[in-house]
C-alpha atoms as a PDB file:
ATOM      1  CA  MET A   1       4.388  14.855   5.838  1.00  0.00           C
ATOM      2  CA  GLN A   2       8.667  13.613   6.201  1.00  0.00           C
ATOM      3  CA  ASN A   3       6.894   9.764   6.760  1.00  0.00           C
ATOM      4  CA  ALA A   4       4.852  10.438   3.381  1.00  0.00           C
ATOM      5  CA  GLU A   5       7.429  11.608   1.309  1.00  0.00           C
ATOM      6  CA  ASN A   6      10.104   8.528   2.488  1.00  0.00           C
ATOM      7  CA  ALA A   7       7.468   5.650   2.247  1.00  0.00           C
ATOM      8  CA  LEU A   8       6.813   7.311  -1.516  1.00  0.00           C
ATOM      9  CA  ARG A   9      10.713   7.302  -2.232  1.00  0.00           C
ATOM     10  CA  ASN A  10      11.090   3.573  -0.810  1.00  0.00           C
ATOM     11  CA  THR A  11       8.406   2.730  -3.050  1.00  0.00           C
ATOM     12  CA  ASN A  12       9.435   4.327  -6.189  1.00  0.00           C
ATOM     13  CA  SER A  13      12.841   2.390  -5.381  1.00  0.00           C
ATOM     14  CA  GLN A  14      11.104  -0.946  -5.430  1.00  0.00           C
ATOM     15  CA  LEU A  15       9.482  -0.790  -8.526  1.00  0.00           C
ATOM     16  CA  ILE A  16      10.486  -3.067 -11.677  1.00  0.00           C
ATOM     17  CA  ASP A  17      11.517  -0.687 -14.990  1.00  0.00           C
ATOM     18  CA  PHE A  18       9.947  -2.410 -17.569  1.00  0.00           C
ATOM     19  CA  ASN A  19      11.648  -0.831 -20.045  1.00  0.00           C
ATOM     20  CA  THR A  20      14.510  -2.544 -18.893  1.00  0.00           C
ATOM     21  CA  LEU A  21      13.088  -6.352 -18.994  1.00  0.00           C
ATOM     22  CA  ASP A  22      13.266  -8.831 -22.174  1.00  0.00           C
ATOM     23  CA  PRO A  23      10.267  -9.448 -23.006  1.00  0.00           C
ATOM     24  CA  ASN A  24      11.691 -12.896 -24.947  1.00  0.00           C
ATOM     25  CA  SER A  25      12.648 -14.544 -21.785  1.00  0.00           C
ATOM     26  CA  ASP A  26      10.723 -17.320 -20.352  1.00  0.00           C
ATOM     27  CA  PHE A  27      10.226 -15.365 -16.952  1.00  0.00           C
ATOM     28  CA  PRO A  28      10.998 -11.936 -18.147  1.00  0.00           C
ATOM     29  CA  ILE A  29      10.518 -10.141 -14.067  1.00  0.00           C
ATOM     30  CA  PRO A  30      13.951 -10.636 -12.418  1.00  0.00           C
ATOM     31  CA  THR A  31      14.482 -12.124  -9.451  1.00  0.00           C
ATOM     32  CA  VAL A  32      16.845 -13.089  -6.667  1.00  0.00           C
ATOM     33  CA  ASN A  33      16.388 -16.705  -4.905  1.00  0.00           C
ATOM     34  CA  ASN A  34      13.139 -16.615  -6.661  1.00  0.00           C
ATOM     35  CA  VAL A  35      11.699 -13.754  -5.557  1.00  0.00           C
ATOM     36  CA  SER A  36      11.040  -9.754  -7.476  1.00  0.00           C
ATOM     37  CA  GLN A  37      12.263  -7.140  -5.877  1.00  0.00           C
ATOM     38  CA  GLU A  38       8.346  -6.078  -6.113  1.00  0.00           C
ATOM     39  CA  MET A  39       7.247  -8.162  -3.887  1.00  0.00           C
ATOM     40  CA  MET A  40       5.945  -7.281  -0.438  1.00  0.00           C
ATOM     41  CA  LEU A  41       5.404 -10.452   1.433  1.00  0.00           C
ATOM     42  CA  TRP A  42       6.782 -13.586   0.329  1.00  0.00           C
ATOM     43  CA  SER A  43       3.494 -15.892  -0.381  1.00  0.00           C
ATOM     44  CA  VAL A  44       3.397 -18.451  -3.373  1.00  0.00           C
ATOM     45  CA  MET A  45       0.206 -20.599  -4.108  1.00  0.00           C
ATOM     46  CA  LEU A  46       0.459 -24.464  -3.825  1.00  0.00           C
ATOM     47  CA  TYR A  47      -0.753 -27.008  -6.223  1.00  0.00           C
ATOM     48  CA  THR A  48      -0.753 -24.678  -9.261  1.00  0.00           C
ATOM     49  CA  ASP A  49      -0.173 -27.499 -11.874  1.00  0.00           C
ATOM     50  CA  GLN A  50      -3.758 -27.035 -13.827  1.00  0.00           C
ATOM     51  CA  LEU A  51      -2.661 -23.203 -13.747  1.00  0.00           C
ATOM     52  CA  ASP A  52       0.643 -24.195 -15.947  1.00  0.00           C
ATOM     53  CA  GLN A  53       1.429 -22.419 -19.004  1.00  0.00           C
ATOM     54  CA  SER A  54       0.393 -25.394 -21.402  1.00  0.00           C
ATOM     55  CA  MET A  55      -3.129 -25.655 -19.449  1.00  0.00           C
ATOM     56  CA  ALA A  56      -4.387 -22.240 -18.369  1.00  0.00           C
ATOM     57  CA  LYS A  57      -4.441 -20.523 -21.741  1.00  0.00           C
ATOM     58  CA  ILE A  58      -5.357 -16.489 -21.558  1.00  0.00           C
ATOM     59  CA  ASP A  59      -8.173 -15.585 -23.980  1.00  0.00           C
ATOM     60  CA  PRO A  60      -7.461 -13.114 -26.668  1.00  0.00           C
ATOM     61  CA  THR A  61     -10.179 -10.991 -25.624  1.00  0.00           C
ATOM     62  CA  LEU A  62      -8.197 -10.321 -22.396  1.00  0.00           C
ATOM     63  CA  TYR A  63      -4.753  -9.507 -24.240  1.00  0.00           C
ATOM     64  CA  ASN A  64      -6.206  -7.576 -26.288  1.00  0.00           C
ATOM     65  CA  ILE A  65      -7.404  -5.012 -23.687  1.00  0.00           C
ATOM     66  CA  TYR A  66      -3.658  -4.380 -23.323  1.00  0.00           C
ATOM     67  CA  ASP A  67      -2.230  -1.698 -25.802  1.00  0.00           C
ATOM     68  CA  ASN A  68       0.581  -2.575 -28.327  1.00  0.00           C
ATOM     69  CA  GLU A  69       2.565   0.592 -27.024  1.00  0.00           C
ATOM     70  CA  ASP A  70       1.634  -1.279 -23.250  1.00  0.00           C
ATOM     71  CA  LEU A  71       4.986  -3.181 -22.003  1.00  0.00           C
ATOM     72  CA  ARG A  72       3.011  -5.512 -19.605  1.00  0.00           C
ATOM     73  CA  LYS A  73       1.470  -7.039 -22.887  1.00  0.00           C
ATOM     74  CA  VAL A  74       4.749  -8.352 -23.773  1.00  0.00           C
ATOM     75  CA  ILE A  75       6.106  -8.976 -20.003  1.00  0.00           C
ATOM     76  CA  TYR A  76       2.954 -11.075 -18.875  1.00  0.00           C
ATOM     77  CA  PHE A  77       2.044 -13.161 -21.723  1.00  0.00           C
ATOM     78  CA  GLY A  78       3.485 -15.173 -23.981  1.00  0.00           C
ATOM     79  CA  ASP A  79       1.825 -16.598 -27.401  1.00  0.00           C
ATOM     80  CA  ASN A  80       0.763 -20.268 -27.373  1.00  0.00           C
ATOM     81  CA  ASN A  81       1.076 -20.196 -31.311  1.00  0.00           C
ATOM     82  CA  ASP A  82      -2.798 -21.764 -31.614  1.00  0.00           C
ATOM     83  CA  GLY A  83      -4.112 -17.957 -30.610  1.00  0.00           C
ATOM     84  CA  SER A  84      -4.263 -18.277 -27.062  1.00  0.00           C
ATOM     85  CA  TYR A  85      -1.758 -17.097 -24.580  1.00  0.00           C
ATOM     86  CA  PHE A  86       0.212 -17.670 -21.182  1.00  0.00           C
ATOM     87  CA  PHE A  87       0.709 -16.030 -18.676  1.00  0.00           C
ATOM     88  CA  LYS A  88       4.969 -15.499 -17.790  1.00  0.00           C
ATOM     89  CA  GLY A  89       4.954 -12.501 -15.603  1.00  0.00           C
ATOM     90  CA  ALA A  90       5.575 -14.418 -12.344  1.00  0.00           C
ATOM     91  CA  HIS A  91       7.581 -12.861  -9.358  1.00  0.00           C
ATOM     92  CA  LEU A  92       9.662 -15.856  -8.831  1.00  0.00           C
ATOM     93  CA  GLY A  93      11.545 -16.605 -11.773  1.00  0.00           C
ATOM     94  CA  THR A  94       9.524 -19.966 -12.718  1.00  0.00           C
ATOM     95  CA  SER A  95       5.875 -20.684 -13.807  1.00  0.00           C
ATOM     96  CA  GLY A  96       5.077 -20.653 -10.071  1.00  0.00           C
ATOM     97  CA  LEU A  97       2.360 -18.181  -8.697  1.00  0.00           C
ATOM     98  CA  THR A  98       2.347 -15.750  -5.882  1.00  0.00           C
ATOM     99  CA  ASN A  99      -0.765 -14.135  -4.533  1.00  0.00           C
ATOM    100  CA  SER A 100       1.967 -11.136  -3.072  1.00  0.00           C
ATOM    101  CA  PRO A 101       0.369  -7.684  -3.862  1.00  0.00           C
ATOM    102  CA  THR A 102       3.713  -5.497  -4.862  1.00  0.00           C
ATOM    103  CA  PRO A 103       4.092  -1.694  -4.803  1.00  0.00           C
ATOM    104  CA  ALA A 104       3.214  -1.355  -8.543  1.00  0.00           C
ATOM    105  CA  GLU A 105      -0.522  -2.507  -7.824  1.00  0.00           C
ATOM    106  CA  LEU A 106      -0.952  -0.845  -4.964  1.00  0.00           C
ATOM    107  CA  LEU A 107       0.084   2.293  -6.436  1.00  0.00           C
ATOM    108  CA  LEU A 108      -2.422   1.337  -9.012  1.00  0.00           C
ATOM    109  CA  THR A 109      -5.655   0.610  -6.635  1.00  0.00           C
ATOM    110  CA  ILE A 110      -5.014   4.518  -4.762  1.00  0.00           C
ATOM    111  CA  SER A 111      -4.736   6.255  -8.138  1.00  0.00           C
ATOM    112  CA  GLU A 112      -7.970   4.422  -9.667  1.00  0.00           C
ATOM    113  CA  CYS A 113      -9.502   5.456  -6.399  1.00  0.00           C
ATOM    114  CA  ASN A 114      -8.211   9.242  -6.222  1.00  0.00           C
ATOM    115  CA  ALA A 115      -9.443   9.261  -9.657  1.00  0.00           C
ATOM    116  CA  ARG A 116     -13.137   7.806  -8.676  1.00  0.00           C
ATOM    117  CA  LEU A 117     -12.821  10.217  -6.219  1.00  0.00           C
ATOM    118  CA  GLY A 118     -12.388  13.417  -8.216  1.00  0.00           C
ATOM    119  CA  ILE A 119      -8.886  13.576  -6.548  1.00  0.00           C
ATOM    120  CA  TYR A 120      -6.141  14.503  -8.802  1.00  0.00           C
ATOM    121  CA  PRO A 121      -2.718  14.722  -6.810  1.00  0.00           C
ATOM    122  CA  LYS A 122      -0.012  16.463  -8.644  1.00  0.00           C
ATOM    123  CA  LEU A 123       2.076  14.334 -10.312  1.00  0.00           C
ATOM    124  CA  GLN A 124       5.821  13.882 -10.198  1.00  0.00           C
ATOM    125  CA  MET A 125       8.479  11.987 -12.442  1.00  0.00           C
ATOM    126  CA  ARG A 126      11.561  10.924 -10.168  1.00  0.00           C
END
């Protein structure tokens, strides 16, 4: 049990609090040496020019799935002023893309699996 508690504590300490981020920044997720504190493995995608912000436009259908109160909407996406959106939520501090999982994504996957299995663990805010 002690290892599980330590694992959760360490995972929670790596999570970025989106309430502290500036959604107007070009790349709101903070980095040190082009790595965010949430990156579990430094792994980047090469040759992503075709996914550049000016070319890979996010359809409004996807953008509008996010609730207006969901901070991911303003942290991950910017407005192209042509009815489309661009992705700015990279964990590299640039327009580069990573394929590294983050603790937030793993926690979300675990929560979704538990919900589908009817397992609703006691939630604790720390």
